[in-house]
Amino acid sequence: MRALLPTATACLLLSPLWTGAATPQSSAPTAAPTVPAASPAGTPAATAADNDAAAKHAKRTACRKNAKAKKLVGDQKTAYIKDCVSAP
């Protein structure tokens, strides 16, 4: 454990040197790639799916907290959470 801190510190301090040595330096500027940017049309669908998953997680968490507040255990707790999550 004692050797871990000095080793990690040395790696962090020397990491800029490694990144500079790994990339070749050329005197000519490189041109920007001409690949078109990804269309933002796919973004709303992904965002909606993320929001839906987050909403389900939040609802389940709230149901679990309610079950804990009611001091339910075992099958009663499981049934309560399932009913609570499936409710609108």
PDB file of N, CA and C in Angstrom:
ATOM      1  N   MET A   1       0.811  -1.178   0.000  1.00  0.00           N
ATOM      2  CA  MET A   1       0.000   0.000   0.000  1.00  0.00           C
ATOM      3  C   MET A   1       0.864   1.255   0.000  1.00  0.00           C
ATOM      4  N   ARG A   2       1.998   1.195   0.705  1.00  0.00           N
ATOM      5  CA  ARG A   2       2.870   2.361   0.767  1.00  0.00           C
ATOM      6  C   ARG A   2       3.498   2.656  -0.584  1.00  0.00           C
ATOM      7  N   ALA A   3       3.751   1.633  -1.381  1.00  0.00           N
ATOM      8  CA  ALA A   3       4.380   1.831  -2.684  1.00  0.00           C
ATOM      9  C   ALA A   3       3.384   2.343  -3.717  1.00  0.00           C
ATOM     10  N   LEU A   4       2.119   2.223  -3.450  1.00  0.00           N
ATOM     11  CA  LEU A   4       1.096   2.630  -4.413  1.00  0.00           C
ATOM     12  C   LEU A   4       1.073   4.143  -4.620  1.00  0.00           C
ATOM     13  N   LEU A   5       1.140   4.922  -3.565  1.00  0.00           N
ATOM     14  CA  LEU A   5       1.069   6.378  -3.681  1.00  0.00           C
ATOM     15  C   LEU A   5       2.247   6.957  -4.465  1.00  0.00           C
ATOM     16  N   PRO A   6       3.500   6.606  -4.159  1.00  0.00           N
ATOM     17  CA  PRO A   6       4.603   7.153  -4.956  1.00  0.00           C
ATOM     18  C   PRO A   6       4.555   6.697  -6.417  1.00  0.00           C
ATOM     19  N   THR A   7       4.126   5.474  -6.645  1.00  0.00           N
ATOM     20  CA  THR A   7       4.042   4.967  -8.009  1.00  0.00           C
ATOM     21  C   THR A   7       2.977   5.724  -8.795  1.00  0.00           C
ATOM     22  N   ALA A   8       1.822   5.921  -8.201  1.00  0.00           N
ATOM     23  CA  ALA A   8       0.751   6.650  -8.868  1.00  0.00           C
ATOM     24  C   ALA A   8       1.164   8.098  -9.121  1.00  0.00           C
ATOM     25  N   THR A   9       1.843   8.708  -8.157  1.00  0.00           N
ATOM     26  CA  THR A   9       2.293  10.094  -8.324  1.00  0.00           C
ATOM     27  C   THR A   9       3.290  10.203  -9.465  1.00  0.00           C
ATOM     28  N   ALA A  10       4.218   9.266  -9.527  1.00  0.00           N
ATOM     29  CA  ALA A  10       5.216   9.285 -10.600  1.00  0.00           C
ATOM     30  C   ALA A  10       4.549   9.105 -11.960  1.00  0.00           C
ATOM     31  N   CYS A  11       3.579   8.217 -12.044  1.00  0.00           N
ATOM     32  CA  CYS A  11       2.879   7.999 -13.314  1.00  0.00           C
ATOM     33  C   CYS A  11       2.127   9.255 -13.749  1.00  0.00           C
ATOM     34  N   LEU A  12       1.465   9.907 -12.814  1.00  0.00           N
ATOM     35  CA  LEU A  12       0.720  11.117 -13.148  1.00  0.00           C
ATOM     36  C   LEU A  12       1.643  12.255 -13.574  1.00  0.00           C
ATOM     37  N   LEU A  13       2.780  12.368 -12.919  1.00  0.00           N
ATOM     38  CA  LEU A  13       3.708  13.442 -13.260  1.00  0.00           C
ATOM     39  C   LEU A  13       4.407  13.200 -14.593  1.00  0.00           C
ATOM     40  N   LEU A  14       4.637  11.946 -14.926  1.00  0.00           N
ATOM     41  CA  LEU A  14       5.341  11.625 -16.162  1.00  0.00           C
ATOM     42  C   LEU A  14       4.410  11.398 -17.347  1.00  0.00           C
ATOM     43  N   SER A  15       3.122  11.353 -17.134  1.00  0.00           N
ATOM     44  CA  SER A  15       2.190  11.074 -18.226  1.00  0.00           C
ATOM     45  C   SER A  15       2.242  12.114 -19.347  1.00  0.00           C
ATOM     46  N   PRO A  16       2.431  13.409 -19.076  1.00  0.00           N
ATOM     47  CA  PRO A  16       2.544  14.350 -20.207  1.00  0.00           C
ATOM     48  C   PRO A  16       3.748  14.050 -21.100  1.00  0.00           C
ATOM     49  N   LEU A  17       4.788  13.526 -20.524  1.00  0.00           N
ATOM     50  CA  LEU A  17       5.960  13.185 -21.330  1.00  0.00           C
ATOM     51  C   LEU A  17       5.665  12.024 -22.261  1.00  0.00           C
ATOM     52  N   TRP A  18       4.906  11.051 -21.772  1.00  0.00           N
ATOM     53  CA  TRP A  18       4.580   9.898 -22.612  1.00  0.00           C
ATOM     54  C   TRP A  18       3.646  10.277 -23.749  1.00  0.00           C
ATOM     55  N   THR A  19       2.688  11.133 -23.495  1.00  0.00           N
ATOM     56  CA  THR A  19       1.755  11.511 -24.556  1.00  0.00           C
ATOM     57  C   THR A  19       2.457  12.332 -25.620  1.00  0.00           C
ATOM     58  N   GLY A  20       3.425  13.151 -25.234  1.00  0.00           N
ATOM     59  CA  GLY A  20       4.170  13.933 -26.206  1.00  0.00           C
ATOM     60  C   GLY A  20       5.082  13.063 -27.050  1.00  0.00           C
ATOM     61  N   ALA A  21       5.637  12.016 -26.484  1.00  0.00           N
ATOM     62  CA  ALA A  21       6.542  11.132 -27.220  1.00  0.00           C
ATOM     63  C   ALA A  21       5.768  10.192 -28.132  1.00  0.00           C
ATOM     64  N   ALA A  22       4.530   9.900 -27.792  1.00  0.00           N
ATOM     65  CA  ALA A  22       3.746   8.934 -28.570  1.00  0.00           C
ATOM     66  C   ALA A  22       3.203   9.545 -29.855  1.00  0.00           C
ATOM     67  N   THR A  23       2.993  10.856 -29.875  1.00  0.00           N
ATOM     68  CA  THR A  23       2.441  11.478 -31.073  1.00  0.00           C
ATOM     69  C   THR A  23       3.565  12.036 -31.932  1.00  0.00           C
ATOM     70  N   PRO A  24       3.601  11.683 -33.206  1.00  0.00           N
ATOM     71  CA  PRO A  24       4.650  12.202 -34.083  1.00  0.00           C
ATOM     72  C   PRO A  24       4.416  13.678 -34.364  1.00  0.00           C
ATOM     73  N   GLN A  25       5.491  14.433 -34.390  1.00  0.00           N
ATOM     74  CA  GLN A  25       5.380  15.858 -34.645  1.00  0.00           C
ATOM     75  C   GLN A  25       5.748  16.120 -36.092  1.00  0.00           C
ATOM     76  N   SER A  26       4.869  16.821 -36.781  1.00  0.00           N
ATOM     77  CA  SER A  26       5.144  17.164 -38.167  1.00  0.00           C
ATOM     78  C   SER A  26       5.070  18.672 -38.315  1.00  0.00           C
ATOM     79  N   SER A  27       5.812  19.203 -39.261  1.00  0.00           N
ATOM     80  CA  SER A  27       5.835  20.645 -39.444  1.00  0.00           C
ATOM     81  C   SER A  27       4.651  21.131 -40.276  1.00  0.00           C
ATOM     82  N   ALA A  28       4.040  20.247 -41.069  1.00  0.00           N
ATOM     83  CA  ALA A  28       2.911  20.641 -41.904  1.00  0.00           C
ATOM     84  C   ALA A  28       1.613  20.512 -41.107  1.00  0.00           C
ATOM     85  N   PRO A  29       0.747  21.520 -41.180  1.00  0.00           N
ATOM     86  CA  PRO A  29      -0.531  21.411 -40.467  1.00  0.00           C
ATOM     87  C   PRO A  29      -1.416  20.372 -41.147  1.00  0.00           C
ATOM     88  N   THR A  30      -2.159  19.668 -40.355  1.00  0.00           N
ATOM     89  CA  THR A  30      -3.049  18.646 -40.899  1.00  0.00           C
ATOM     90  C   THR A  30      -4.403  19.266 -41.203  1.00  0.00           C
ATOM     91  N   ALA A  31      -5.028  18.794 -42.254  1.00  0.00           N
ATOM     92  CA  ALA A  31      -6.340  19.298 -42.645  1.00  0.00           C
ATOM     93  C   ALA A  31      -7.411  18.661 -41.778  1.00  0.00           C
ATOM     94  N   ALA A  32      -8.473  19.381 -41.553  1.00  0.00           N
ATOM     95  CA  ALA A  32      -9.585  18.853 -40.776  1.00  0.00           C
ATOM     96  C   ALA A  32     -10.279  17.759 -41.575  1.00  0.00           C
ATOM     97  N   PRO A  33     -10.729  16.711 -40.937  1.00  0.00           N
ATOM     98  CA  PRO A  33     -11.426  15.661 -41.658  1.00  0.00           C
ATOM     99  C   PRO A  33     -12.719  16.196 -42.283  1.00  0.00           C
ATOM    100  N   THR A  34     -13.065  15.661 -43.442  1.00  0.00           N
ATOM    101  CA  THR A  34     -14.249  16.131 -44.155  1.00  0.00           C
ATOM    102  C   THR A  34     -15.452  15.223 -43.935  1.00  0.00           C
ATOM    103  N   VAL A  35     -15.459  14.507 -42.835  1.00  0.00           N
ATOM    104  CA  VAL A  35     -16.579  13.632 -42.520  1.00  0.00           C
ATOM    105  C   VAL A  35     -17.733  14.501 -42.041  1.00  0.00           C
ATOM    106  N   PRO A  36     -18.941  14.330 -42.601  1.00  0.00           N
ATOM    107  CA  PRO A  36     -20.068  15.152 -42.157  1.00  0.00           C
ATOM    108  C   PRO A  36     -20.442  14.811 -40.719  1.00  0.00           C
ATOM    109  N   ALA A  37     -20.937  15.793 -40.033  1.00  0.00           N
ATOM    110  CA  ALA A  37     -21.339  15.603 -38.643  1.00  0.00           C
ATOM    111  C   ALA A  37     -22.571  14.702 -38.581  1.00  0.00           C
ATOM    112  N   ALA A  38     -22.701  13.999 -37.469  1.00  0.00           N
ATOM    113  CA  ALA A  38     -23.854  13.116 -37.291  1.00  0.00           C
ATOM    114  C   ALA A  38     -25.116  13.961 -37.204  1.00  0.00           C
ATOM    115  N   SER A  39     -26.164  13.473 -37.809  1.00  0.00           N
ATOM    116  CA  SER A  39     -27.401  14.242 -37.818  1.00  0.00           C
ATOM    117  C   SER A  39     -28.050  14.190 -36.443  1.00  0.00           C
ATOM    118  N   PRO A  40     -28.586  15.292 -35.971  1.00  0.00           N
ATOM    119  CA  PRO A  40     -29.214  15.314 -34.664  1.00  0.00           C
ATOM    120  C   PRO A  40     -30.593  14.674 -34.651  1.00  0.00           C
ATOM    121  N   ALA A  41     -31.011  14.073 -35.780  1.00  0.00           N
ATOM    122  CA  ALA A  41     -32.334  13.464 -35.835  1.00  0.00           C
ATOM    123  C   ALA A  41     -32.446  12.283 -34.882  1.00  0.00           C
ATOM    124  N   GLY A  42     -31.343  11.547 -34.659  1.00  0.00           N
ATOM    125  CA  GLY A  42     -31.382  10.399 -33.760  1.00  0.00           C
ATOM    126  C   GLY A  42     -31.335  10.799 -32.301  1.00  0.00           C
ATOM    127  N   THR A  43     -31.014  12.012 -31.997  1.00  0.00           N
ATOM    128  CA  THR A  43     -30.853  12.457 -30.625  1.00  0.00           C
ATOM    129  C   THR A  43     -32.156  12.447 -29.826  1.00  0.00           C
ATOM    130  N   PRO A  44     -33.292  12.949 -30.350  1.00  0.00           N
ATOM    131  CA  PRO A  44     -34.503  12.948 -29.532  1.00  0.00           C
ATOM    132  C   PRO A  44     -34.961  11.548 -29.127  1.00  0.00           C
ATOM    133  N   ALA A  45     -34.799  10.564 -29.998  1.00  0.00           N
ATOM    134  CA  ALA A  45     -35.213   9.207 -29.651  1.00  0.00           C
ATOM    135  C   ALA A  45     -34.354   8.672 -28.515  1.00  0.00           C
ATOM    136  N   ALA A  46     -33.061   8.915 -28.594  1.00  0.00           N
ATOM    137  CA  ALA A  46     -32.175   8.451 -27.530  1.00  0.00           C
ATOM    138  C   ALA A  46     -32.482   9.187 -26.232  1.00  0.00           C
ATOM    139  N   THR A  47     -32.755  10.456 -26.320  1.00  0.00           N
ATOM    140  CA  THR A  47     -33.067  11.241 -25.135  1.00  0.00           C
ATOM    141  C   THR A  47     -34.384  10.777 -24.515  1.00  0.00           C
ATOM    142  N   ALA A  48     -35.365  10.474 -25.351  1.00  0.00           N
ATOM    143  CA  ALA A  48     -36.650  10.002 -24.841  1.00  0.00           C
ATOM    144  C   ALA A  48     -36.477   8.663 -24.124  1.00  0.00           C
ATOM    145  N   ALA A  49     -35.653   7.788 -24.692  1.00  0.00           N
ATOM    146  CA  ALA A  49     -35.414   6.495 -24.053  1.00  0.00           C
ATOM    147  C   ALA A  49     -34.679   6.678 -22.731  1.00  0.00           C
ATOM    148  N   ASP A  50     -33.730   7.604 -22.709  1.00  0.00           N
ATOM    149  CA  ASP A  50     -33.006   7.878 -21.475  1.00  0.00           C
ATOM    150  C   ASP A  50     -33.938   8.450 -20.417  1.00  0.00           C
ATOM    151  N   ASN A  51     -34.809   9.371 -20.830  1.00  0.00           N
ATOM    152  CA  ASN A  51     -35.751   9.968 -19.888  1.00  0.00           C
ATOM    153  C   ASN A  51     -36.731   8.939 -19.358  1.00  0.00           C
ATOM    154  N   ASP A  52     -37.167   8.018 -20.231  1.00  0.00           N
ATOM    155  CA  ASP A  52     -38.097   6.971 -19.820  1.00  0.00           C
ATOM    156  C   ASP A  52     -37.438   6.055 -18.788  1.00  0.00           C
ATOM    157  N   ALA A  53     -36.190   5.686 -19.052  1.00  0.00           N
ATOM    158  CA  ALA A  53     -35.466   4.822 -18.114  1.00  0.00           C
ATOM    159  C   ALA A  53     -35.252   5.532 -16.784  1.00  0.00           C
ATOM    160  N   ALA A  54     -34.938   6.811 -16.843  1.00  0.00           N
ATOM    161  CA  ALA A  54     -34.735   7.572 -15.610  1.00  0.00           C
ATOM    162  C   ALA A  54     -36.037   7.699 -14.829  1.00  0.00           C
ATOM    163  N   ALA A  55     -37.141   7.891 -15.532  1.00  0.00           N
ATOM    164  CA  ALA A  55     -38.431   8.009 -14.868  1.00  0.00           C
ATOM    165  C   ALA A  55     -38.817   6.691 -14.184  1.00  0.00           C
ATOM    166  N   LYS A  56     -38.563   5.576 -14.879  1.00  0.00           N
ATOM    167  CA  LYS A  56     -38.865   4.263 -14.280  1.00  0.00           C
ATOM    168  C   LYS A  56     -38.017   4.039 -13.034  1.00  0.00           C
ATOM    169  N   HIS A  57     -36.744   4.419 -13.119  1.00  0.00           N
ATOM    170  CA  HIS A  57     -35.853   4.245 -11.977  1.00  0.00           C
ATOM    171  C   HIS A  57     -36.318   5.104 -10.794  1.00  0.00           C
ATOM    172  N   ALA A  58     -36.695   6.335 -11.078  1.00  0.00           N
ATOM    173  CA  ALA A  58     -37.156   7.231 -10.013  1.00  0.00           C
ATOM    174  C   ALA A  58     -38.435   6.702  -9.371  1.00  0.00           C
ATOM    175  N   LYS A  59     -39.329   6.189 -10.198  1.00  0.00           N
ATOM    176  CA  LYS A  59     -40.589   5.661  -9.664  1.00  0.00           C
ATOM    177  C   LYS A  59     -40.332   4.428  -8.807  1.00  0.00           C
ATOM    178  N   ARG A  60     -39.461   3.549  -9.280  1.00  0.00           N
ATOM    179  CA  ARG A  60     -39.139   2.350  -8.510  1.00  0.00           C
ATOM    180  C   ARG A  60     -38.481   2.730  -7.184  1.00  0.00           C
ATOM    181  N   THR A  61     -37.587   3.702  -7.227  1.00  0.00           N
ATOM    182  CA  THR A  61     -36.932   4.147  -5.999  1.00  0.00           C
ATOM    183  C   THR A  61     -37.949   4.711  -5.014  1.00  0.00           C
ATOM    184  N   ALA A  62     -38.894   5.490  -5.509  1.00  0.00           N
ATOM    185  CA  ALA A  62     -39.938   6.038  -4.639  1.00  0.00           C
ATOM    186  C   ALA A  62     -40.790   4.924  -4.043  1.00  0.00           C
ATOM    187  N   CYS A  63     -41.105   3.930  -4.858  1.00  0.00           N
ATOM    188  CA  CYS A  63     -41.907   2.803  -4.362  1.00  0.00           C
ATOM    189  C   CYS A  63     -41.149   2.021  -3.293  1.00  0.00           C
ATOM    190  N   ARG A  64     -39.846   1.854  -3.489  1.00  0.00           N
ATOM    191  CA  ARG A  64     -39.041   1.137  -2.492  1.00  0.00           C
ATOM    192  C   ARG A  64     -38.992   1.923  -1.184  1.00  0.00           C
ATOM    193  N   LYS A  65     -38.875   3.246  -1.283  1.00  0.00           N
ATOM    194  CA  LYS A  65     -38.864   4.062  -0.068  1.00  0.00           C
ATOM    195  C   LYS A  65     -40.193   3.974   0.662  1.00  0.00           C
ATOM    196  N   ASN A  66     -41.299   3.975  -0.091  1.00  0.00           N
ATOM    197  CA  ASN A  66     -42.619   3.843   0.533  1.00  0.00           C
ATOM    198  C   ASN A  66     -42.765   2.491   1.212  1.00  0.00           C
ATOM    199  N   ALA A  67     -42.259   1.436   0.568  1.00  0.00           N
ATOM    200  CA  ALA A  67     -42.334   0.100   1.160  1.00  0.00           C
ATOM    201  C   ALA A  67     -41.521   0.050   2.445  1.00  0.00           C
ATOM    202  N   LYS A  68     -40.377   0.723   2.437  1.00  0.00           N
ATOM    203  CA  LYS A  68     -39.555   0.754   3.646  1.00  0.00           C
ATOM    204  C   LYS A  68     -40.250   1.546   4.747  1.00  0.00           C
ATOM    205  N   ALA A  69     -40.899   2.643   4.379  1.00  0.00           N
ATOM    206  CA  ALA A  69     -41.619   3.450   5.368  1.00  0.00           C
ATOM    207  C   ALA A  69     -42.764   2.663   5.987  1.00  0.00           C
ATOM    208  N   LYS A  70     -43.399   1.808   5.185  1.00  0.00           N
ATOM    209  CA  LYS A  70     -44.497   0.983   5.689  1.00  0.00           C
ATOM    210  C   LYS A  70     -43.985  -0.270   6.387  1.00  0.00           C
ATOM    211  N   LYS A  71     -42.642  -0.448   6.381  1.00  0.00           N
ATOM    212  CA  LYS A  71     -41.975  -1.579   7.038  1.00  0.00           C
ATOM    213  C   LYS A  71     -42.436  -2.924   6.481  1.00  0.00           C
ATOM    214  N   LEU A  72     -42.586  -2.974   5.145  1.00  0.00           N
ATOM    215  CA  LEU A  72     -42.945  -4.220   4.506  1.00  0.00           C
ATOM    216  C   LEU A  72     -41.686  -5.048   4.270  1.00  0.00           C
ATOM    217  N   VAL A  73     -41.822  -6.368   4.362  1.00  0.00           N
ATOM    218  CA  VAL A  73     -40.690  -7.261   4.134  1.00  0.00           C
ATOM    219  C   VAL A  73     -41.142  -8.460   3.312  1.00  0.00           C
ATOM    220  N   GLY A  74     -40.186  -9.086   2.652  1.00  0.00           N
ATOM    221  CA  GLY A  74     -40.433 -10.334   1.937  1.00  0.00           C
ATOM    222  C   GLY A  74     -41.398 -10.193   0.780  1.00  0.00           C
ATOM    223  N   ASP A  75     -42.346 -11.148   0.718  1.00  0.00           N
ATOM    224  CA  ASP A  75     -43.301 -11.190  -0.385  1.00  0.00           C
ATOM    225  C   ASP A  75     -44.224  -9.970  -0.401  1.00  0.00           C
ATOM    226  N   GLN A  76     -44.550  -9.456   0.762  1.00  0.00           N
ATOM    227  CA  GLN A  76     -45.404  -8.270   0.820  1.00  0.00           C
ATOM    228  C   GLN A  76     -44.703  -7.070   0.187  1.00  0.00           C
ATOM    229  N   LYS A  77     -43.418  -6.935   0.473  1.00  0.00           N
ATOM    230  CA  LYS A  77     -42.643  -5.830  -0.094  1.00  0.00           C
ATOM    231  C   LYS A  77     -42.541  -5.971  -1.606  1.00  0.00           C
ATOM    232  N   THR A  78     -42.254  -7.171  -2.073  1.00  0.00           N
ATOM    233  CA  THR A  78     -42.126  -7.427  -3.513  1.00  0.00           C
ATOM    234  C   THR A  78     -43.435  -7.127  -4.231  1.00  0.00           C
ATOM    235  N   ALA A  79     -44.544  -7.619  -3.677  1.00  0.00           N
ATOM    236  CA  ALA A  79     -45.850  -7.390  -4.287  1.00  0.00           C
ATOM    237  C   ALA A  79     -46.190  -5.895  -4.289  1.00  0.00           C
ATOM    238  N   TYR A  80     -45.882  -5.204  -3.203  1.00  0.00           N
ATOM    239  CA  TYR A  80     -46.164  -3.773  -3.122  1.00  0.00           C
ATOM    240  C   TYR A  80     -45.375  -2.998  -4.178  1.00  0.00           C
ATOM    241  N   ILE A  81     -44.094  -3.329  -4.331  1.00  0.00           N
ATOM    242  CA  ILE A  81     -43.260  -2.628  -5.310  1.00  0.00           C
ATOM    243  C   ILE A  81     -43.756  -2.885  -6.723  1.00  0.00           C
ATOM    244  N   LYS A  82     -44.118  -4.138  -7.029  1.00  0.00           N
ATOM    245  CA  LYS A  82     -44.637  -4.449  -8.369  1.00  0.00           C
ATOM    246  C   LYS A  82     -45.928  -3.687  -8.663  1.00  0.00           C
ATOM    247  N   ASP A  83     -46.831  -3.660  -7.685  1.00  0.00           N
ATOM    248  CA  ASP A  83     -48.091  -2.934  -7.863  1.00  0.00           C
ATOM    249  C   ASP A  83     -47.847  -1.435  -8.000  1.00  0.00           C
ATOM    250  N   CYS A  84     -46.960  -0.923  -7.193  1.00  0.00           N
ATOM    251  CA  CYS A  84     -46.673   0.509  -7.212  1.00  0.00           C
ATOM    252  C   CYS A  84     -46.029   0.936  -8.528  1.00  0.00           C
ATOM    253  N   VAL A  85     -45.106   0.149  -9.042  1.00  0.00           N
ATOM    254  CA  VAL A  85     -44.418   0.489 -10.293  1.00  0.00           C
ATOM    255  C   VAL A  85     -45.371   0.370 -11.465  1.00  0.00           C
ATOM    256  N   SER A  86     -46.271  -0.597 -11.453  1.00  0.00           N
ATOM    257  CA  SER A  86     -47.180  -0.790 -12.570  1.00  0.00           C
ATOM    258  C   SER A  86     -48.322   0.235 -12.558  1.00  0.00           C
ATOM    259  N   ALA A  87     -48.566   0.869 -11.433  1.00  0.00           N
ATOM    260  CA  ALA A  87     -49.629   1.894 -11.364  1.00  0.00           C
ATOM    261  C   ALA A  87     -49.207   3.129 -12.149  1.00  0.00           C
ATOM    262  N   PRO A  88     -50.190   3.807 -12.763  1.00  0.00           N
ATOM    263  CA  PRO A  88     -49.846   4.984 -13.571  1.00  0.00           C
ATOM    264  C   PRO A  88     -49.343   6.147 -12.782  1.00  0.00           C
TER     265      PRO A  88
END
